[in-house]
Amino acid sequence: GAGLGVDDFAPRLSFFFVARTTLLEEI
């Protein structure tokens, strides 16, 4: 919406998740 092309910024998006002790479900 601000005028950026999706492939101009999306390659630098990253994510941050938790890892719990429920090993199989986390995988």
mmCIF file of all heavy atoms, coordinates in Angstrom:
data_MODEL
# 
_entry.id   MODEL 
# 
loop_
_atom_site.group_PDB 
_atom_site.id 
_atom_site.type_symbol 
_atom_site.label_atom_id 
_atom_site.label_alt_id 
_atom_site.label_comp_id 
_atom_site.label_asym_id 
_atom_site.label_entity_id 
_atom_site.label_seq_id 
_atom_site.pdbx_PDB_ins_code 
_atom_site.Cartn_x 
_atom_site.Cartn_y 
_atom_site.Cartn_z 
_atom_site.occupancy 
_atom_site.B_iso_or_equiv 
_atom_site.pdbx_formal_charge 
_atom_site.auth_seq_id 
_atom_site.auth_comp_id 
_atom_site.auth_asym_id 
_atom_site.auth_atom_id 
_atom_site.pdbx_PDB_model_num 
ATOM 1   N N   . GLY A 1 1  ? 0.806  -1.219  0.000  1.00 0.00 ? 1  GLY A N   1 
ATOM 2   C CA  . GLY A 1 1  ? 0.000  0.000   0.000  1.00 0.00 ? 1  GLY A CA  1 
ATOM 3   C C   . GLY A 1 1  ? 0.834  1.261   0.000  1.00 0.00 ? 1  GLY A C   1 
ATOM 4   O O   . GLY A 1 1  ? 0.391  2.322   -0.473 1.00 0.00 ? 1  GLY A O   1 
ATOM 5   N N   . ALA A 1 2  ? 2.075  1.168   0.526  1.00 0.00 ? 2  ALA A N   1 
ATOM 6   C CA  . ALA A 1 2  ? 2.981  2.320   0.534  1.00 0.00 ? 2  ALA A CA  1 
ATOM 7   C C   . ALA A 1 2  ? 3.764  2.445   -0.762 1.00 0.00 ? 2  ALA A C   1 
ATOM 8   O O   . ALA A 1 2  ? 4.607  3.338   -0.896 1.00 0.00 ? 2  ALA A O   1 
ATOM 9   C CB  . ALA A 1 2  ? 3.946  2.216   1.718  1.00 0.00 ? 2  ALA A CB  1 
ATOM 10  N N   . GLY A 1 3  ? 3.482  1.560   -1.721 1.00 0.00 ? 3  GLY A N   1 
ATOM 11  C CA  . GLY A 1 3  ? 4.107  1.667   -3.030 1.00 0.00 ? 3  GLY A CA  1 
ATOM 12  C C   . GLY A 1 3  ? 5.297  0.757   -3.262 1.00 0.00 ? 3  GLY A C   1 
ATOM 13  O O   . GLY A 1 3  ? 5.949  0.851   -4.315 1.00 0.00 ? 3  GLY A O   1 
ATOM 14  N N   . LEU A 1 4  ? 5.608  -0.135  -2.339 1.00 0.00 ? 4  LEU A N   1 
ATOM 15  C CA  . LEU A 1 4  ? 6.739  -1.038  -2.517 1.00 0.00 ? 4  LEU A CA  1 
ATOM 16  C C   . LEU A 1 4  ? 6.306  -2.285  -3.282 1.00 0.00 ? 4  LEU A C   1 
ATOM 17  O O   . LEU A 1 4  ? 5.196  -2.780  -3.104 1.00 0.00 ? 4  LEU A O   1 
ATOM 18  C CB  . LEU A 1 4  ? 7.312  -1.448  -1.159 1.00 0.00 ? 4  LEU A CB  1 
ATOM 19  C CG  . LEU A 1 4  ? 7.879  -0.336  -0.273 1.00 0.00 ? 4  LEU A CG  1 
ATOM 20  C CD1 . LEU A 1 4  ? 8.293  -0.908  1.078  1.00 0.00 ? 4  LEU A CD1 1 
ATOM 21  C CD2 . LEU A 1 4  ? 9.053  0.350   -0.937 1.00 0.00 ? 4  LEU A CD2 1 
ATOM 22  N N   . GLY A 1 5  ? 7.191  -2.786  -4.116 1.00 0.00 ? 5  GLY A N   1 
ATOM 23  C CA  . GLY A 1 5  ? 6.932  -4.047  -4.796 1.00 0.00 ? 5  GLY A CA  1 
ATOM 24  C C   . GLY A 1 5  ? 7.207  -5.216  -3.863 1.00 0.00 ? 5  GLY A C   1 
ATOM 25  O O   . GLY A 1 5  ? 8.150  -5.179  -3.070 1.00 0.00 ? 5  GLY A O   1 
ATOM 26  N N   . VAL A 1 6  ? 6.396  -6.254  -3.947 1.00 0.00 ? 6  VAL A N   1 
ATOM 27  C CA  . VAL A 1 6  ? 6.506  -7.348  -2.990 1.00 0.00 ? 6  VAL A CA  1 
ATOM 28  C C   . VAL A 1 6  ? 7.900  -7.960  -2.997 1.00 0.00 ? 6  VAL A C   1 
ATOM 29  O O   . VAL A 1 6  ? 8.465  -8.280  -1.941 1.00 0.00 ? 6  VAL A O   1 
ATOM 30  C CB  . VAL A 1 6  ? 5.413  -8.417  -3.225 1.00 0.00 ? 6  VAL A CB  1 
ATOM 31  C CG1 . VAL A 1 6  ? 5.592  -9.113  -4.572 1.00 0.00 ? 6  VAL A CG1 1 
ATOM 32  C CG2 . VAL A 1 6  ? 5.418  -9.438  -2.090 1.00 0.00 ? 6  VAL A CG2 1 
ATOM 33  N N   . ASP A 1 7  ? 8.498  -8.117  -4.175 1.00 0.00 ? 7  ASP A N   1 
ATOM 34  C CA  . ASP A 1 7  ? 9.821  -8.730  -4.234 1.00 0.00 ? 7  ASP A CA  1 
ATOM 35  C C   . ASP A 1 7  ? 10.943 -7.761  -3.867 1.00 0.00 ? 7  ASP A C   1 
ATOM 36  O O   . ASP A 1 7  ? 12.107 -8.164  -3.804 1.00 0.00 ? 7  ASP A O   1 
ATOM 37  C CB  . ASP A 1 7  ? 10.065 -9.313  -5.627 1.00 0.00 ? 7  ASP A CB  1 
ATOM 38  C CG  . ASP A 1 7  ? 9.243  -10.573 -5.882 1.00 0.00 ? 7  ASP A CG  1 
ATOM 39  O OD1 . ASP A 1 7  ? 9.072  -11.358 -4.930 1.00 0.00 ? 7  ASP A OD1 1 
ATOM 40  O OD2 . ASP A 1 7  ? 8.763  -10.756 -7.009 1.00 0.00 ? 7  ASP A OD2 1 
ATOM 41  N N   . ASP A 1 8  ? 10.595 -6.483  -3.625 1.00 0.00 ? 8  ASP A N   1 
ATOM 42  C CA  . ASP A 1 8  ? 11.594 -5.517  -3.166 1.00 0.00 ? 8  ASP A CA  1 
ATOM 43  C C   . ASP A 1 8  ? 11.854 -5.634  -1.671 1.00 0.00 ? 8  ASP A C   1 
ATOM 44  O O   . ASP A 1 8  ? 12.943 -5.299  -1.199 1.00 0.00 ? 8  ASP A O   1 
ATOM 45  C CB  . ASP A 1 8  ? 11.143 -4.082  -3.484 1.00 0.00 ? 8  ASP A CB  1 
ATOM 46  C CG  . ASP A 1 8  ? 11.178 -3.773  -4.968 1.00 0.00 ? 8  ASP A CG  1 
ATOM 47  O OD1 . ASP A 1 8  ? 11.931 -4.462  -5.690 1.00 0.00 ? 8  ASP A OD1 1 
ATOM 48  O OD2 . ASP A 1 8  ? 10.455 -2.860  -5.400 1.00 0.00 ? 8  ASP A OD2 1 
ATOM 49  N N   . PHE A 1 9  ? 10.853 -6.082  -0.906 1.00 0.00 ? 9  PHE A N   1 
ATOM 50  C CA  . PHE A 1 9  ? 11.027 -6.134  0.544  1.00 0.00 ? 9  PHE A CA  1 
ATOM 51  C C   . PHE A 1 9  ? 10.841 -7.530  1.142  1.00 0.00 ? 9  PHE A C   1 
ATOM 52  O O   . PHE A 1 9  ? 11.420 -7.845  2.183  1.00 0.00 ? 9  PHE A O   1 
ATOM 53  C CB  . PHE A 1 9  ? 10.060 -5.164  1.255  1.00 0.00 ? 9  PHE A CB  1 
ATOM 54  C CG  . PHE A 1 9  ? 8.613  -5.519  1.124  1.00 0.00 ? 9  PHE A CG  1 
ATOM 55  C CD1 . PHE A 1 9  ? 7.998  -6.384  2.020  1.00 0.00 ? 9  PHE A CD1 1 
ATOM 56  C CD2 . PHE A 1 9  ? 7.846  -4.999  0.093  1.00 0.00 ? 9  PHE A CD2 1 
ATOM 57  C CE1 . PHE A 1 9  ? 6.663  -6.717  1.894  1.00 0.00 ? 9  PHE A CE1 1 
ATOM 58  C CE2 . PHE A 1 9  ? 6.515  -5.330  -0.050 1.00 0.00 ? 9  PHE A CE2 1 
ATOM 59  C CZ  . PHE A 1 9  ? 5.914  -6.193  0.863  1.00 0.00 ? 9  PHE A CZ  1 
ATOM 60  N N   . ALA A 1 10 ? 10.036 -8.375  0.514  1.00 0.00 ? 10 ALA A N   1 
ATOM 61  C CA  . ALA A 1 10 ? 9.704  -9.667  1.117  1.00 0.00 ? 10 ALA A CA  1 
ATOM 62  C C   . ALA A 1 10 ? 10.913 -10.577 1.344  1.00 0.00 ? 10 ALA A C   1 
ATOM 63  O O   . ALA A 1 10 ? 10.921 -11.340 2.327  1.00 0.00 ? 10 ALA A O   1 
ATOM 64  C CB  . ALA A 1 10 ? 8.656  -10.387 0.277  1.00 0.00 ? 10 ALA A CB  1 
ATOM 65  N N   . PRO A 1 11 ? 11.972 -10.542 0.507  1.00 0.00 ? 11 PRO A N   1 
ATOM 66  C CA  . PRO A 1 11 ? 13.123 -11.407 0.803  1.00 0.00 ? 11 PRO A CA  1 
ATOM 67  C C   . PRO A 1 11 ? 13.809 -11.107 2.123  1.00 0.00 ? 11 PRO A C   1 
ATOM 68  O O   . PRO A 1 11 ? 14.540 -11.945 2.646  1.00 0.00 ? 11 PRO A O   1 
ATOM 69  C CB  . PRO A 1 11 ? 14.072 -11.131 -0.384 1.00 0.00 ? 11 PRO A CB  1 
ATOM 70  C CG  . PRO A 1 11 ? 13.172 -10.721 -1.500 1.00 0.00 ? 11 PRO A CG  1 
ATOM 71  C CD  . PRO A 1 11 ? 12.098 -9.907  -0.837 1.00 0.00 ? 11 PRO A CD  1 
ATOM 72  N N   . ARG A 1 12 ? 13.580 -9.904  2.687  1.00 0.00 ? 12 ARG A N   1 
ATOM 73  C CA  . ARG A 1 12 ? 14.224 -9.553  3.960  1.00 0.00 ? 12 ARG A CA  1 
ATOM 74  C C   . ARG A 1 12 ? 13.286 -9.727  5.151  1.00 0.00 ? 12 ARG A C   1 
ATOM 75  O O   . ARG A 1 12 ? 13.650 -9.382  6.280  1.00 0.00 ? 12 ARG A O   1 
ATOM 76  C CB  . ARG A 1 12 ? 14.740 -8.104  3.925  1.00 0.00 ? 12 ARG A CB  1 
ATOM 77  C CG  . ARG A 1 12 ? 15.712 -7.795  2.811  1.00 0.00 ? 12 ARG A CG  1 
ATOM 78  C CD  . ARG A 1 12 ? 16.774 -8.850  2.611  1.00 0.00 ? 12 ARG A CD  1 
ATOM 79  N NE  . ARG A 1 12 ? 17.550 -9.190  3.793  1.00 0.00 ? 12 ARG A NE  1 
ATOM 80  C CZ  . ARG A 1 12 ? 18.431 -10.170 3.847  1.00 0.00 ? 12 ARG A CZ  1 
ATOM 81  N NH1 . ARG A 1 12 ? 18.638 -10.942 2.788  1.00 0.00 ? 12 ARG A NH1 1 
ATOM 82  N NH2 . ARG A 1 12 ? 19.111 -10.407 4.942  1.00 0.00 ? 12 ARG A NH2 1 
ATOM 83  N N   . LEU A 1 13 ? 12.099 -10.255 4.943  1.00 0.00 ? 13 LEU A N   1 
ATOM 84  C CA  . LEU A 1 13 ? 11.214 -10.570 6.067  1.00 0.00 ? 13 LEU A CA  1 
ATOM 85  C C   . LEU A 1 13 ? 11.747 -11.808 6.783  1.00 0.00 ? 13 LEU A C   1 
ATOM 86  O O   . LEU A 1 13 ? 12.217 -12.749 6.160  1.00 0.00 ? 13 LEU A O   1 
ATOM 87  C CB  . LEU A 1 13 ? 9.785  -10.841 5.580  1.00 0.00 ? 13 LEU A CB  1 
ATOM 88  C CG  . LEU A 1 13 ? 9.070  -9.731  4.811  1.00 0.00 ? 13 LEU A CG  1 
ATOM 89  C CD1 . LEU A 1 13 ? 7.666  -10.190 4.422  1.00 0.00 ? 13 LEU A CD1 1 
ATOM 90  C CD2 . LEU A 1 13 ? 9.011  -8.448  5.621  1.00 0.00 ? 13 LEU A CD2 1 
ATOM 91  N N   . SER A 1 14 ? 11.663 -11.789 8.093  1.00 0.00 ? 14 SER A N   1 
ATOM 92  C CA  . SER A 1 14 ? 12.038 -12.975 8.864  1.00 0.00 ? 14 SER A CA  1 
ATOM 93  C C   . SER A 1 14 ? 11.028 -13.152 9.988  1.00 0.00 ? 14 SER A C   1 
ATOM 94  O O   . SER A 1 14 ? 10.206 -12.266 10.252 1.00 0.00 ? 14 SER A O   1 
ATOM 95  C CB  . SER A 1 14 ? 13.456 -12.844 9.423  1.00 0.00 ? 14 SER A CB  1 
ATOM 96  O OG  . SER A 1 14 ? 13.531 -11.772 10.347 1.00 0.00 ? 14 SER A OG  1 
ATOM 97  N N   . PHE A 1 15 ? 11.096 -14.294 10.645 1.00 0.00 ? 15 PHE A N   1 
ATOM 98  C CA  . PHE A 1 15 ? 10.116 -14.636 11.672 1.00 0.00 ? 15 PHE A CA  1 
ATOM 99  C C   . PHE A 1 15 ? 10.839 -15.113 12.941 1.00 0.00 ? 15 PHE A C   1 
ATOM 100 O O   . PHE A 1 15 ? 12.032 -15.420 12.919 1.00 0.00 ? 15 PHE A O   1 
ATOM 101 C CB  . PHE A 1 15 ? 9.162  -15.717 11.162 1.00 0.00 ? 15 PHE A CB  1 
ATOM 102 C CG  . PHE A 1 15 ? 8.255  -15.245 10.063 1.00 0.00 ? 15 PHE A CG  1 
ATOM 103 C CD1 . PHE A 1 15 ? 8.708  -15.142 8.749  1.00 0.00 ? 15 PHE A CD1 1 
ATOM 104 C CD2 . PHE A 1 15 ? 6.939  -14.883 10.332 1.00 0.00 ? 15 PHE A CD2 1 
ATOM 105 C CE1 . PHE A 1 15 ? 7.874  -14.689 7.731  1.00 0.00 ? 15 PHE A CE1 1 
ATOM 106 C CE2 . PHE A 1 15 ? 6.101  -14.425 9.320  1.00 0.00 ? 15 PHE A CE2 1 
ATOM 107 C CZ  . PHE A 1 15 ? 6.574  -14.328 8.023  1.00 0.00 ? 15 PHE A CZ  1 
ATOM 108 N N   . PHE A 1 16 ? 10.095 -15.165 14.021 1.00 0.00 ? 16 PHE A N   1 
ATOM 109 C CA  . PHE A 1 16 ? 10.662 -15.512 15.333 1.00 0.00 ? 16 PHE A CA  1 
ATOM 110 C C   . PHE A 1 16 ? 9.646  -16.366 16.081 1.00 0.00 ? 16 PHE A C   1 
ATOM 111 O O   . PHE A 1 16 ? 8.542  -15.916 16.369 1.00 0.00 ? 16 PHE A O   1 
ATOM 112 C CB  . PHE A 1 16 ? 10.963 -14.218 16.093 1.00 0.00 ? 16 PHE A CB  1 
ATOM 113 C CG  . PHE A 1 16 ? 11.470 -14.382 17.492 1.00 0.00 ? 16 PHE A CG  1 
ATOM 114 C CD1 . PHE A 1 16 ? 12.102 -15.547 17.928 1.00 0.00 ? 16 PHE A CD1 1 
ATOM 115 C CD2 . PHE A 1 16 ? 11.335 -13.342 18.407 1.00 0.00 ? 16 PHE A CD2 1 
ATOM 116 C CE1 . PHE A 1 16 ? 12.569 -15.675 19.220 1.00 0.00 ? 16 PHE A CE1 1 
ATOM 117 C CE2 . PHE A 1 16 ? 11.802 -13.459 19.711 1.00 0.00 ? 16 PHE A CE2 1 
ATOM 118 C CZ  . PHE A 1 16 ? 12.425 -14.622 20.115 1.00 0.00 ? 16 PHE A CZ  1 
ATOM 119 N N   . PHE A 1 17 ? 10.040 -17.617 16.369 1.00 0.00 ? 17 PHE A N   1 
ATOM 120 C CA  . PHE A 1 17 ? 9.126  -18.547 17.010 1.00 0.00 ? 17 PHE A CA  1 
ATOM 121 C C   . PHE A 1 17 ? 9.748  -19.148 18.277 1.00 0.00 ? 17 PHE A C   1 
ATOM 122 O O   . PHE A 1 17 ? 10.946 -19.045 18.518 1.00 0.00 ? 17 PHE A O   1 
ATOM 123 C CB  . PHE A 1 17 ? 8.752  -19.675 16.046 1.00 0.00 ? 17 PHE A CB  1 
ATOM 124 C CG  . PHE A 1 17 ? 8.019  -19.211 14.820 1.00 0.00 ? 17 PHE A CG  1 
ATOM 125 C CD1 . PHE A 1 17 ? 8.531  -19.446 13.549 1.00 0.00 ? 17 PHE A CD1 1 
ATOM 126 C CD2 . PHE A 1 17 ? 6.813  -18.527 14.920 1.00 0.00 ? 17 PHE A CD2 1 
ATOM 127 C CE1 . PHE A 1 17 ? 7.856  -19.019 12.409 1.00 0.00 ? 17 PHE A CE1 1 
ATOM 128 C CE2 . PHE A 1 17 ? 6.132  -18.091 13.797 1.00 0.00 ? 17 PHE A CE2 1 
ATOM 129 C CZ  . PHE A 1 17 ? 6.657  -18.338 12.535 1.00 0.00 ? 17 PHE A CZ  1 
ATOM 130 N N   . VAL A 1 18 ? 8.898  -19.797 19.044 1.00 0.00 ? 18 VAL A N   1 
ATOM 131 C CA  . VAL A 1 18 ? 9.334  -20.492 20.245 1.00 0.00 ? 18 VAL A CA  1 
ATOM 132 C C   . VAL A 1 18 ? 9.583  -21.958 19.917 1.00 0.00 ? 18 VAL A C   1 
ATOM 133 O O   . VAL A 1 18 ? 9.064  -22.485 18.920 1.00 0.00 ? 18 VAL A O   1 
ATOM 134 C CB  . VAL A 1 18 ? 8.260  -20.367 21.353 1.00 0.00 ? 18 VAL A CB  1 
ATOM 135 C CG1 . VAL A 1 18 ? 7.090  -21.326 21.097 1.00 0.00 ? 18 VAL A CG1 1 
ATOM 136 C CG2 . VAL A 1 18 ? 8.840  -20.612 22.744 1.00 0.00 ? 18 VAL A CG2 1 
ATOM 137 N N   . ALA A 1 19 ? 10.386 -22.609 20.747 1.00 0.00 ? 19 ALA A N   1 
ATOM 138 C CA  . ALA A 1 19 ? 10.512 -24.064 20.694 1.00 0.00 ? 19 ALA A CA  1 
ATOM 139 C C   . ALA A 1 19 ? 10.181 -24.608 22.081 1.00 0.00 ? 19 ALA A C   1 
ATOM 140 O O   . ALA A 1 19 ? 10.812 -24.241 23.066 1.00 0.00 ? 19 ALA A O   1 
ATOM 141 C CB  . ALA A 1 19 ? 11.917 -24.485 20.285 1.00 0.00 ? 19 ALA A CB  1 
ATOM 142 N N   . ARG A 1 20 ? 9.168  -25.461 22.151 1.00 0.00 ? 20 ARG A N   1 
ATOM 143 C CA  . ARG A 1 20 ? 8.710  -26.049 23.409 1.00 0.00 ? 20 ARG A CA  1 
ATOM 144 C C   . ARG A 1 20 ? 9.299  -27.447 23.582 1.00 0.00 ? 20 ARG A C   1 
ATOM 145 O O   . ARG A 1 20 ? 9.974  -27.970 22.691 1.00 0.00 ? 20 ARG A O   1 
ATOM 146 C CB  . ARG A 1 20 ? 7.177  -26.136 23.417 1.00 0.00 ? 20 ARG A CB  1 
ATOM 147 C CG  . ARG A 1 20 ? 6.445  -24.798 23.233 1.00 0.00 ? 20 ARG A CG  1 
ATOM 148 C CD  . ARG A 1 20 ? 4.968  -25.052 22.990 1.00 0.00 ? 20 ARG A CD  1 
ATOM 149 N NE  . ARG A 1 20 ? 4.173  -23.844 22.832 1.00 0.00 ? 20 ARG A NE  1 
ATOM 150 C CZ  . ARG A 1 20 ? 4.055  -23.147 21.695 1.00 0.00 ? 20 ARG A CZ  1 
ATOM 151 N NH1 . ARG A 1 20 ? 4.708  -23.544 20.609 1.00 0.00 ? 20 ARG A NH1 1 
ATOM 152 N NH2 . ARG A 1 20 ? 3.294  -22.070 21.638 1.00 0.00 ? 20 ARG A NH2 1 
ATOM 153 N N   . THR A 1 21 ? 8.978  -28.073 24.698 1.00 0.00 ? 21 THR A N   1 
ATOM 154 C CA  . THR A 1 21 ? 9.455  -29.433 24.955 1.00 0.00 ? 21 THR A CA  1 
ATOM 155 C C   . THR A 1 21 ? 8.649  -30.493 24.214 1.00 0.00 ? 21 THR A C   1 
ATOM 156 O O   . THR A 1 21 ? 9.054  -31.650 24.168 1.00 0.00 ? 21 THR A O   1 
ATOM 157 C CB  . THR A 1 21 ? 9.419  -29.742 26.464 1.00 0.00 ? 21 THR A CB  1 
ATOM 158 O OG1 . THR A 1 21 ? 8.119  -29.454 26.969 1.00 0.00 ? 21 THR A OG1 1 
ATOM 159 C CG2 . THR A 1 21 ? 10.449 -28.926 27.212 1.00 0.00 ? 21 THR A CG2 1 
ATOM 160 N N   . THR A 1 22 ? 7.485  -30.128 23.650 1.00 0.00 ? 22 THR A N   1 
ATOM 161 C CA  . THR A 1 22 ? 6.678  -31.076 22.875 1.00 0.00 ? 22 THR A CA  1 
ATOM 162 C C   . THR A 1 22 ? 7.315  -31.222 21.494 1.00 0.00 ? 22 THR A C   1 
ATOM 163 O O   . THR A 1 22 ? 6.848  -30.648 20.507 1.00 0.00 ? 22 THR A O   1 
ATOM 164 C CB  . THR A 1 22 ? 5.225  -30.581 22.776 1.00 0.00 ? 22 THR A CB  1 
ATOM 165 O OG1 . THR A 1 22 ? 5.226  -29.182 22.451 1.00 0.00 ? 22 THR A OG1 1 
ATOM 166 C CG2 . THR A 1 22 ? 4.502  -30.779 24.092 1.00 0.00 ? 22 THR A CG2 1 
ATOM 167 N N   . LEU A 1 23 ? 8.347  -32.019 21.438 1.00 0.00 ? 23 LEU A N   1 
ATOM 168 C CA  . LEU A 1 23 ? 9.267  -32.055 20.300 1.00 0.00 ? 23 LEU A CA  1 
ATOM 169 C C   . LEU A 1 23 ? 8.583  -32.366 18.971 1.00 0.00 ? 23 LEU A C   1 
ATOM 170 O O   . LEU A 1 23 ? 8.801  -31.684 17.965 1.00 0.00 ? 23 LEU A O   1 
ATOM 171 C CB  . LEU A 1 23 ? 10.374 -33.074 20.599 1.00 0.00 ? 23 LEU A CB  1 
ATOM 172 C CG  . LEU A 1 23 ? 11.522 -33.158 19.592 1.00 0.00 ? 23 LEU A CG  1 
ATOM 173 C CD1 . LEU A 1 23 ? 12.847 -33.359 20.324 1.00 0.00 ? 23 LEU A CD1 1 
ATOM 174 C CD2 . LEU A 1 23 ? 11.315 -34.341 18.652 1.00 0.00 ? 23 LEU A CD2 1 
ATOM 175 N N   . LEU A 1 24 ? 7.744  -33.398 18.928 1.00 0.00 ? 24 LEU A N   1 
ATOM 176 C CA  . LEU A 1 24 ? 7.145  -33.808 17.659 1.00 0.00 ? 24 LEU A CA  1 
ATOM 177 C C   . LEU A 1 24 ? 6.203  -32.739 17.107 1.00 0.00 ? 24 LEU A C   1 
ATOM 178 O O   . LEU A 1 24 ? 6.227  -32.427 15.904 1.00 0.00 ? 24 LEU A O   1 
ATOM 179 C CB  . LEU A 1 24 ? 6.410  -35.134 17.829 1.00 0.00 ? 24 LEU A CB  1 
ATOM 180 C CG  . LEU A 1 24 ? 7.280  -36.335 18.234 1.00 0.00 ? 24 LEU A CG  1 
ATOM 181 C CD1 . LEU A 1 24 ? 6.419  -37.585 18.347 1.00 0.00 ? 24 LEU A CD1 1 
ATOM 182 C CD2 . LEU A 1 24 ? 8.417  -36.551 17.249 1.00 0.00 ? 24 LEU A CD2 1 
ATOM 183 N N   . GLU A 1 25 ? 5.365  -32.167 17.969 1.00 0.00 ? 25 GLU A N   1 
ATOM 184 C CA  . GLU A 1 25 ? 4.450  -31.129 17.497 1.00 0.00 ? 25 GLU A CA  1 
ATOM 185 C C   . GLU A 1 25 ? 5.224  -29.898 17.034 1.00 0.00 ? 25 GLU A C   1 
ATOM 186 O O   . GLU A 1 25 ? 4.831  -29.252 16.057 1.00 0.00 ? 25 GLU A O   1 
ATOM 187 C CB  . GLU A 1 25 ? 3.449  -30.744 18.581 1.00 0.00 ? 25 GLU A CB  1 
ATOM 188 C CG  . GLU A 1 25 ? 2.423  -29.718 18.096 1.00 0.00 ? 25 GLU A CG  1 
ATOM 189 C CD  . GLU A 1 25 ? 1.377  -29.352 19.130 1.00 0.00 ? 25 GLU A CD  1 
ATOM 190 O OE1 . GLU A 1 25 ? 1.523  -29.779 20.299 1.00 0.00 ? 25 GLU A OE1 1 
ATOM 191 O OE2 . GLU A 1 25 ? 0.414  -28.655 18.778 1.00 0.00 ? 25 GLU A OE2 1 
ATOM 192 N N   . GLU A 1 26 ? 6.315  -29.576 17.712 1.00 0.00 ? 26 GLU A N   1 
ATOM 193 C CA  . GLU A 1 26 ? 7.100  -28.400 17.318 1.00 0.00 ? 26 GLU A CA  1 
ATOM 194 C C   . GLU A 1 26 ? 7.722  -28.596 15.939 1.00 0.00 ? 26 GLU A C   1 
ATOM 195 O O   . GLU A 1 26 ? 7.720  -27.684 15.109 1.00 0.00 ? 26 GLU A O   1 
ATOM 196 C CB  . GLU A 1 26 ? 8.174  -28.111 18.364 1.00 0.00 ? 26 GLU A CB  1 
ATOM 197 C CG  . GLU A 1 26 ? 7.625  -27.637 19.692 1.00 0.00 ? 26 GLU A CG  1 
ATOM 198 C CD  . GLU A 1 26 ? 6.896  -26.314 19.576 1.00 0.00 ? 26 GLU A CD  1 
ATOM 199 O OE1 . GLU A 1 26 ? 7.540  -25.277 19.385 1.00 0.00 ? 26 GLU A OE1 1 
ATOM 200 O OE2 . GLU A 1 26 ? 5.642  -26.325 19.650 1.00 0.00 ? 26 GLU A OE2 1 
ATOM 201 N N   . ILE A 1 27 ? 8.255  -29.781 15.686 1.00 0.00 ? 27 ILE A N   1 
ATOM 202 C CA  . ILE A 1 27 ? 8.815  -30.053 14.356 1.00 0.00 ? 27 ILE A CA  1 
ATOM 203 C C   . ILE A 1 27 ? 7.740  -29.882 13.289 1.00 0.00 ? 27 ILE A C   1 
ATOM 204 O O   . ILE A 1 27 ? 7.954  -29.228 12.250 1.00 0.00 ? 27 ILE A O   1 
ATOM 205 C CB  . ILE A 1 27 ? 9.402  -31.476 14.303 1.00 0.00 ? 27 ILE A CB  1 
ATOM 206 C CG1 . ILE A 1 27 ? 10.589 -31.601 15.261 1.00 0.00 ? 27 ILE A CG1 1 
ATOM 207 C CG2 . ILE A 1 27 ? 9.818  -31.839 12.878 1.00 0.00 ? 27 ILE A CG2 1 
ATOM 208 C CD1 . ILE A 1 27 ? 11.064 -33.029 15.463 1.00 0.00 ? 27 ILE A CD1 1 
# 
